[in-house]
Amino acid sequence: CNLYGVVILSINIISARPTDPSLVKSLAAGAVSVAEARNAEVAAEGEAKAQIVRARGHAEAEQIRAMGAKKAAEALESSRVAVLLAQIEKTGEVLANSKATYFFGAEPNQIGSLLANPTVVRS
């Protein structure tokens, strides 16, 4: 080919008919392996992308919850009545989930103070 100034870079075989049956089996097995590897790669890439999407969704949900909690805290902070209502609500939650609901010598309006006192309530 150098005689005419042509350089062959590659040769593509479009069709082949091997006569050796073991060669045919070997080529077929190689083709199947390549196809399976590609399918596994595509599946892995898809799962990785799905995990990224789920992680972003969880992160955005956490940010939204945090922003809501911050706004609620800011609203609660700005109103003494809101603070008292929150204390009453939390007191009710504690009493609803506890086994002992009677405090000797305490009036109902003192329960919030009792629950906030570390000497009365121990974790």
N, C-alpha and C. Protein backbone atom coordinates (compact mmCIF):
# COMPACT_ATOMS: atom_id res chain seq x y z
N CYS A 1 0.82 -1.20 0.00
CA CYS A 1 0.00 0.00 0.00
C CYS A 1 0.86 1.26 0.00
N ASN A 2 2.08 1.18 0.54
CA ASN A 2 2.95 2.35 0.52
C ASN A 2 3.32 2.74 -0.90
N LEU A 3 3.19 1.78 -1.80
CA LEU A 3 3.50 2.04 -3.20
C LEU A 3 2.60 3.13 -3.77
N TYR A 4 1.34 3.17 -3.30
CA TYR A 4 0.39 4.16 -3.81
C TYR A 4 0.15 5.31 -2.83
N GLY A 5 0.83 5.34 -1.70
CA GLY A 5 0.66 6.42 -0.73
C GLY A 5 -0.56 6.24 0.17
N VAL A 6 -1.01 5.01 0.34
CA VAL A 6 -2.19 4.73 1.17
C VAL A 6 -1.73 4.02 2.45
N VAL A 7 -2.27 4.46 3.59
CA VAL A 7 -1.99 3.80 4.86
C VAL A 7 -3.31 3.27 5.40
N ILE A 8 -3.38 2.01 5.74
CA ILE A 8 -4.60 1.40 6.29
C ILE A 8 -4.59 1.62 7.79
N LEU A 9 -5.63 2.28 8.30
CA LEU A 9 -5.74 2.57 9.73
C LEU A 9 -6.49 1.47 10.47
N SER A 10 -7.54 0.95 9.87
CA SER A 10 -8.29 -0.12 10.50
C SER A 10 -9.10 -0.87 9.46
N ILE A 11 -9.50 -2.05 9.84
CA ILE A 11 -10.33 -2.88 8.97
C ILE A 11 -11.54 -3.30 9.79
N ASN A 12 -12.71 -3.07 9.27
CA ASN A 12 -13.95 -3.50 9.91
C ASN A 12 -14.49 -4.73 9.18
N ILE A 13 -14.75 -5.76 9.96
CA ILE A 13 -15.34 -6.96 9.37
C ILE A 13 -16.84 -6.87 9.55
N ILE A 14 -17.56 -6.83 8.48
CA ILE A 14 -19.02 -6.69 8.53
C ILE A 14 -19.67 -8.04 8.76
N SER A 15 -19.16 -9.06 8.19
CA SER A 15 -19.76 -10.38 8.33
C SER A 15 -18.66 -11.42 8.34
N ALA A 16 -18.85 -12.43 9.18
CA ALA A 16 -17.89 -13.53 9.24
C ALA A 16 -18.66 -14.83 9.43
N ARG A 17 -18.18 -15.89 8.80
CA ARG A 17 -18.79 -17.20 8.94
C ARG A 17 -17.71 -18.21 9.33
N PRO A 18 -17.38 -18.24 10.66
CA PRO A 18 -16.34 -19.18 11.07
C PRO A 18 -16.83 -20.63 10.89
N THR A 19 -15.94 -21.46 10.49
CA THR A 19 -16.30 -22.86 10.28
C THR A 19 -16.04 -23.70 11.53
N ASP A 20 -15.26 -23.21 12.44
CA ASP A 20 -14.95 -23.93 13.67
C ASP A 20 -16.07 -23.70 14.70
N PRO A 21 -16.82 -24.74 15.11
CA PRO A 21 -17.92 -24.57 16.06
C PRO A 21 -17.47 -24.01 17.42
N SER A 22 -16.29 -24.37 17.89
CA SER A 22 -15.83 -23.85 19.18
C SER A 22 -15.55 -22.35 19.09
N LEU A 23 -15.08 -21.89 17.94
CA LEU A 23 -14.87 -20.45 17.75
C LEU A 23 -16.20 -19.72 17.75
N VAL A 24 -17.22 -20.29 17.12
CA VAL A 24 -18.56 -19.68 17.11
C VAL A 24 -19.08 -19.57 18.53
N LYS A 25 -18.93 -20.64 19.34
CA LYS A 25 -19.38 -20.60 20.73
C LYS A 25 -18.62 -19.55 21.53
N SER A 26 -17.35 -19.49 21.33
CA SER A 26 -16.51 -18.53 22.04
C SER A 26 -16.90 -17.10 21.69
N LEU A 27 -17.11 -16.81 20.42
CA LEU A 27 -17.53 -15.46 19.99
C LEU A 27 -18.90 -15.12 20.55
N ALA A 28 -19.82 -16.08 20.54
CA ALA A 28 -21.16 -15.84 21.07
C ALA A 28 -21.11 -15.58 22.58
N ALA A 29 -20.30 -16.35 23.29
CA ALA A 29 -20.16 -16.14 24.73
C ALA A 29 -19.58 -14.77 25.03
N GLY A 30 -18.62 -14.36 24.24
CA GLY A 30 -18.03 -13.03 24.42
C GLY A 30 -19.05 -11.93 24.18
N ALA A 31 -19.88 -12.10 23.16
CA ALA A 31 -20.90 -11.09 22.85
C ALA A 31 -21.93 -11.03 23.97
N VAL A 32 -22.32 -12.20 24.49
CA VAL A 32 -23.28 -12.23 25.60
C VAL A 32 -22.68 -11.56 26.83
N SER A 33 -21.43 -11.82 27.12
CA SER A 33 -20.76 -11.21 28.28
C SER A 33 -20.71 -9.69 28.15
N VAL A 34 -20.40 -9.22 26.97
CA VAL A 34 -20.35 -7.76 26.74
C VAL A 34 -21.74 -7.16 26.94
N ALA A 35 -22.77 -7.83 26.42
CA ALA A 35 -24.14 -7.31 26.56
C ALA A 35 -24.58 -7.32 28.02
N GLU A 36 -24.26 -8.37 28.76
CA GLU A 36 -24.62 -8.44 30.17
C GLU A 36 -23.89 -7.38 30.98
N ALA A 37 -22.63 -7.18 30.65
CA ALA A 37 -21.86 -6.15 31.36
C ALA A 37 -22.45 -4.76 31.12
N ARG A 38 -22.83 -4.51 29.90
CA ARG A 38 -23.43 -3.20 29.57
C ARG A 38 -24.76 -3.03 30.29
N ASN A 39 -25.57 -4.09 30.34
CA ASN A 39 -26.85 -4.01 31.05
C ASN A 39 -26.63 -3.75 32.54
N ALA A 40 -25.64 -4.42 33.12
CA ALA A 40 -25.34 -4.20 34.54
C ALA A 40 -24.86 -2.77 34.78
N GLU A 41 -24.07 -2.26 33.86
CA GLU A 41 -23.58 -0.88 33.98
C GLU A 41 -24.72 0.12 33.91
N VAL A 42 -25.63 -0.09 32.96
CA VAL A 42 -26.79 0.81 32.81
C VAL A 42 -27.67 0.74 34.07
N ALA A 43 -27.88 -0.47 34.58
CA ALA A 43 -28.69 -0.62 35.79
C ALA A 43 -28.04 0.08 36.98
N ALA A 44 -26.73 -0.06 37.11
CA ALA A 44 -26.02 0.58 38.21
C ALA A 44 -26.08 2.10 38.10
N GLU A 45 -25.92 2.62 36.89
CA GLU A 45 -26.02 4.07 36.69
C GLU A 45 -27.42 4.56 37.04
N GLY A 46 -28.43 3.80 36.64
CA GLY A 46 -29.81 4.18 36.95
C GLY A 46 -30.07 4.19 38.44
N GLU A 47 -29.59 3.17 39.15
CA GLU A 47 -29.76 3.11 40.60
C GLU A 47 -29.02 4.25 41.28
N ALA A 48 -27.83 4.57 40.80
CA ALA A 48 -27.06 5.69 41.38
C ALA A 48 -27.82 7.00 41.21
N LYS A 49 -28.37 7.22 40.03
CA LYS A 49 -29.14 8.44 39.80
C LYS A 49 -30.39 8.48 40.67
N ALA A 50 -31.04 7.33 40.84
CA ALA A 50 -32.23 7.28 41.70
C ALA A 50 -31.88 7.60 43.15
N GLN A 51 -30.74 7.09 43.62
CA GLN A 51 -30.31 7.39 44.98
C GLN A 51 -30.01 8.87 45.17
N ILE A 52 -29.43 9.47 44.15
CA ILE A 52 -29.15 10.91 44.22
C ILE A 52 -30.44 11.70 44.30
N VAL A 53 -31.43 11.32 43.48
CA VAL A 53 -32.72 12.02 43.48
C VAL A 53 -33.39 11.85 44.85
N ARG A 54 -33.36 10.62 45.41
CA ARG A 54 -33.97 10.41 46.73
C ARG A 54 -33.26 11.23 47.79
N ALA A 55 -31.93 11.27 47.75
CA ALA A 55 -31.16 12.04 48.74
C ALA A 55 -31.49 13.52 48.65
N ARG A 56 -31.60 14.03 47.43
CA ARG A 56 -31.96 15.45 47.27
C ARG A 56 -33.36 15.72 47.80
N GLY A 57 -34.27 14.80 47.55
CA GLY A 57 -35.64 14.95 48.06
C GLY A 57 -35.67 14.97 49.58
N HIS A 58 -34.92 14.05 50.20
CA HIS A 58 -34.86 14.02 51.67
C HIS A 58 -34.23 15.30 52.21
N ALA A 59 -33.19 15.78 51.55
CA ALA A 59 -32.52 17.00 52.01
C ALA A 59 -33.45 18.20 51.90
N GLU A 60 -34.18 18.29 50.79
CA GLU A 60 -35.12 19.40 50.63
C GLU A 60 -36.24 19.32 51.66
N ALA A 61 -36.73 18.12 51.94
CA ALA A 61 -37.77 17.96 52.94
C ALA A 61 -37.28 18.38 54.32
N GLU A 62 -36.05 18.02 54.65
CA GLU A 62 -35.47 18.43 55.94
C GLU A 62 -35.34 19.95 56.02
N GLN A 63 -34.93 20.57 54.92
CA GLN A 63 -34.81 22.04 54.91
C GLN A 63 -36.16 22.69 55.11
N ILE A 64 -37.18 22.15 54.45
CA ILE A 64 -38.53 22.71 54.58
C ILE A 64 -39.03 22.56 56.01
N ARG A 65 -38.80 21.36 56.61
CA ARG A 65 -39.22 21.15 58.00
C ARG A 65 -38.47 22.10 58.93
N ALA A 66 -37.17 22.28 58.70
CA ALA A 66 -36.37 23.16 59.55
C ALA A 66 -36.85 24.61 59.43
N MET A 67 -37.16 25.03 58.21
CA MET A 67 -37.66 26.40 58.02
C MET A 67 -39.00 26.58 58.74
N GLY A 68 -39.86 25.57 58.65
CA GLY A 68 -41.14 25.63 59.34
C GLY A 68 -40.97 25.69 60.85
N ALA A 69 -40.06 24.89 61.37
CA ALA A 69 -39.80 24.90 62.81
C ALA A 69 -39.22 26.25 63.24
N LYS A 70 -38.36 26.81 62.41
CA LYS A 70 -37.78 28.12 62.73
C LYS A 70 -38.85 29.20 62.76
N LYS A 71 -39.73 29.18 61.76
CA LYS A 71 -40.82 30.17 61.72
C LYS A 71 -41.75 30.01 62.92
N ALA A 72 -42.03 28.75 63.27
CA ALA A 72 -42.89 28.50 64.43
C ALA A 72 -42.23 29.00 65.70
N ALA A 73 -40.93 28.77 65.83
CA ALA A 73 -40.20 29.24 67.01
C ALA A 73 -40.18 30.76 67.07
N GLU A 74 -40.01 31.40 65.91
CA GLU A 74 -40.00 32.86 65.88
C GLU A 74 -41.37 33.41 66.27
N ALA A 75 -42.43 32.76 65.78
CA ALA A 75 -43.78 33.21 66.13
C ALA A 75 -44.04 32.98 67.62
N LEU A 76 -43.60 31.86 68.11
CA LEU A 76 -43.77 31.54 69.53
C LEU A 76 -43.00 32.52 70.41
N GLU A 77 -41.82 32.87 69.97
CA GLU A 77 -40.96 33.77 70.73
C GLU A 77 -41.56 35.17 70.85
N SER A 78 -42.33 35.56 69.87
CA SER A 78 -42.85 36.93 69.85
C SER A 78 -44.11 37.12 70.68
N SER A 79 -44.68 36.05 71.24
CA SER A 79 -45.93 36.18 71.97
C SER A 79 -45.88 35.41 73.27
N ARG A 80 -46.10 36.10 74.36
CA ARG A 80 -46.13 35.45 75.70
C ARG A 80 -47.29 34.46 75.77
N VAL A 81 -48.42 34.80 75.17
CA VAL A 81 -49.58 33.91 75.17
C VAL A 81 -49.24 32.63 74.41
N ALA A 82 -48.55 32.77 73.29
CA ALA A 82 -48.17 31.59 72.50
C ALA A 82 -47.24 30.69 73.30
N VAL A 83 -46.34 31.30 74.08
CA VAL A 83 -45.43 30.51 74.91
C VAL A 83 -46.23 29.73 75.95
N LEU A 84 -47.16 30.39 76.59
CA LEU A 84 -47.98 29.72 77.60
C LEU A 84 -48.82 28.60 76.98
N LEU A 85 -49.38 28.85 75.79
CA LEU A 85 -50.16 27.81 75.12
C LEU A 85 -49.28 26.61 74.75
N ALA A 86 -48.07 26.88 74.32
CA ALA A 86 -47.15 25.79 73.99
C ALA A 86 -46.79 24.99 75.24
N GLN A 87 -46.60 25.69 76.35
CA GLN A 87 -46.31 25.00 77.61
C GLN A 87 -47.49 24.11 78.02
N ILE A 88 -48.70 24.63 77.87
CA ILE A 88 -49.89 23.85 78.21
C ILE A 88 -49.98 22.62 77.31
N GLU A 89 -49.72 22.82 76.03
CA GLU A 89 -49.78 21.70 75.08
C GLU A 89 -48.76 20.63 75.43
N LYS A 90 -47.53 21.03 75.69
CA LYS A 90 -46.49 20.07 76.02
C LYS A 90 -46.77 19.39 77.36
N THR A 91 -47.32 20.13 78.31
CA THR A 91 -47.69 19.53 79.59
C THR A 91 -48.75 18.46 79.37
N GLY A 92 -49.73 18.76 78.54
CA GLY A 92 -50.76 17.78 78.23
C GLY A 92 -50.19 16.54 77.57
N GLU A 93 -49.22 16.72 76.66
CA GLU A 93 -48.58 15.58 76.00
C GLU A 93 -47.84 14.71 77.02
N VAL A 94 -47.13 15.35 77.95
CA VAL A 94 -46.39 14.60 78.97
C VAL A 94 -47.36 13.84 79.86
N LEU A 95 -48.42 14.50 80.28
CA LEU A 95 -49.38 13.83 81.16
C LEU A 95 -50.13 12.72 80.44
N ALA A 96 -50.40 12.88 79.16
CA ALA A 96 -51.12 11.86 78.41
C ALA A 96 -50.28 10.60 78.23
N ASN A 97 -48.98 10.75 78.17
CA ASN A 97 -48.09 9.60 77.93
C ASN A 97 -47.45 9.05 79.21
N SER A 98 -47.83 9.57 80.35
CA SER A 98 -47.19 9.10 81.57
C SER A 98 -48.14 8.22 82.36
N LYS A 99 -47.58 7.49 83.32
CA LYS A 99 -48.39 6.62 84.18
C LYS A 99 -48.90 7.38 85.40
N ALA A 100 -48.18 8.41 85.83
CA ALA A 100 -48.58 9.19 87.00
C ALA A 100 -49.07 10.55 86.53
N THR A 101 -50.30 10.87 86.86
CA THR A 101 -50.87 12.15 86.41
C THR A 101 -51.29 13.03 87.58
N TYR A 102 -50.97 12.67 88.79
CA TYR A 102 -51.39 13.46 89.94
C TYR A 102 -50.17 13.96 90.69
N PHE A 103 -50.12 15.26 90.92
CA PHE A 103 -49.03 15.88 91.65
C PHE A 103 -49.57 16.37 92.99
N PHE A 104 -49.08 15.79 94.07
CA PHE A 104 -49.56 16.19 95.39
C PHE A 104 -49.14 17.61 95.71
N GLY A 105 -50.07 18.39 96.20
CA GLY A 105 -49.77 19.74 96.65
C GLY A 105 -49.56 20.73 95.53
N ALA A 106 -49.94 20.39 94.30
CA ALA A 106 -49.75 21.31 93.18
C ALA A 106 -51.09 21.64 92.56
N GLU A 107 -51.22 22.88 92.20
CA GLU A 107 -52.42 23.32 91.49
C GLU A 107 -52.21 23.09 90.00
N PRO A 108 -53.28 22.96 89.23
CA PRO A 108 -53.12 22.74 87.78
C PRO A 108 -52.27 23.80 87.09
N ASN A 109 -52.33 25.04 87.55
CA ASN A 109 -51.55 26.09 86.89
C ASN A 109 -50.06 26.01 87.24
N GLN A 110 -49.68 25.13 88.16
CA GLN A 110 -48.28 24.98 88.56
C GLN A 110 -47.60 23.79 87.87
N ILE A 111 -48.35 23.01 87.13
CA ILE A 111 -47.80 21.79 86.53
C ILE A 111 -46.67 22.13 85.57
N GLY A 112 -46.83 23.18 84.77
CA GLY A 112 -45.76 23.58 83.84
C GLY A 112 -44.47 23.88 84.56
N SER A 113 -44.56 24.61 85.67
CA SER A 113 -43.36 24.94 86.45
C SER A 113 -42.76 23.69 87.08
N LEU A 114 -43.62 22.79 87.55
CA LEU A 114 -43.13 21.54 88.13
C LEU A 114 -42.35 20.72 87.10
N LEU A 115 -42.90 20.63 85.89
CA LEU A 115 -42.24 19.84 84.86
C LEU A 115 -40.94 20.48 84.39
N ALA A 116 -40.83 21.78 84.52
CA ALA A 116 -39.60 22.47 84.11
C ALA A 116 -38.54 22.41 85.20
N ASN A 117 -38.91 22.00 86.41
CA ASN A 117 -37.99 21.96 87.54
C ASN A 117 -37.21 20.64 87.52
N PRO A 118 -35.89 20.67 87.34
CA PRO A 118 -35.11 19.44 87.24
C PRO A 118 -35.06 18.63 88.54
N THR A 119 -35.34 19.27 89.67
CA THR A 119 -35.34 18.50 90.93
C THR A 119 -36.61 17.69 91.09
N VAL A 120 -37.68 18.08 90.40
CA VAL A 120 -38.94 17.35 90.48
C VAL A 120 -39.00 16.26 89.42
N VAL A 121 -38.56 16.57 88.22
CA VAL A 121 -38.63 15.62 87.11
C VAL A 121 -37.22 15.21 86.72
N ARG A 122 -36.93 13.94 86.78
CA ARG A 122 -35.62 13.43 86.37
C ARG A 122 -35.77 12.60 85.13
N SER A 123 -34.81 12.70 84.20
CA SER A 123 -34.85 11.93 82.95
C SER A 123 -34.59 10.47 83.22
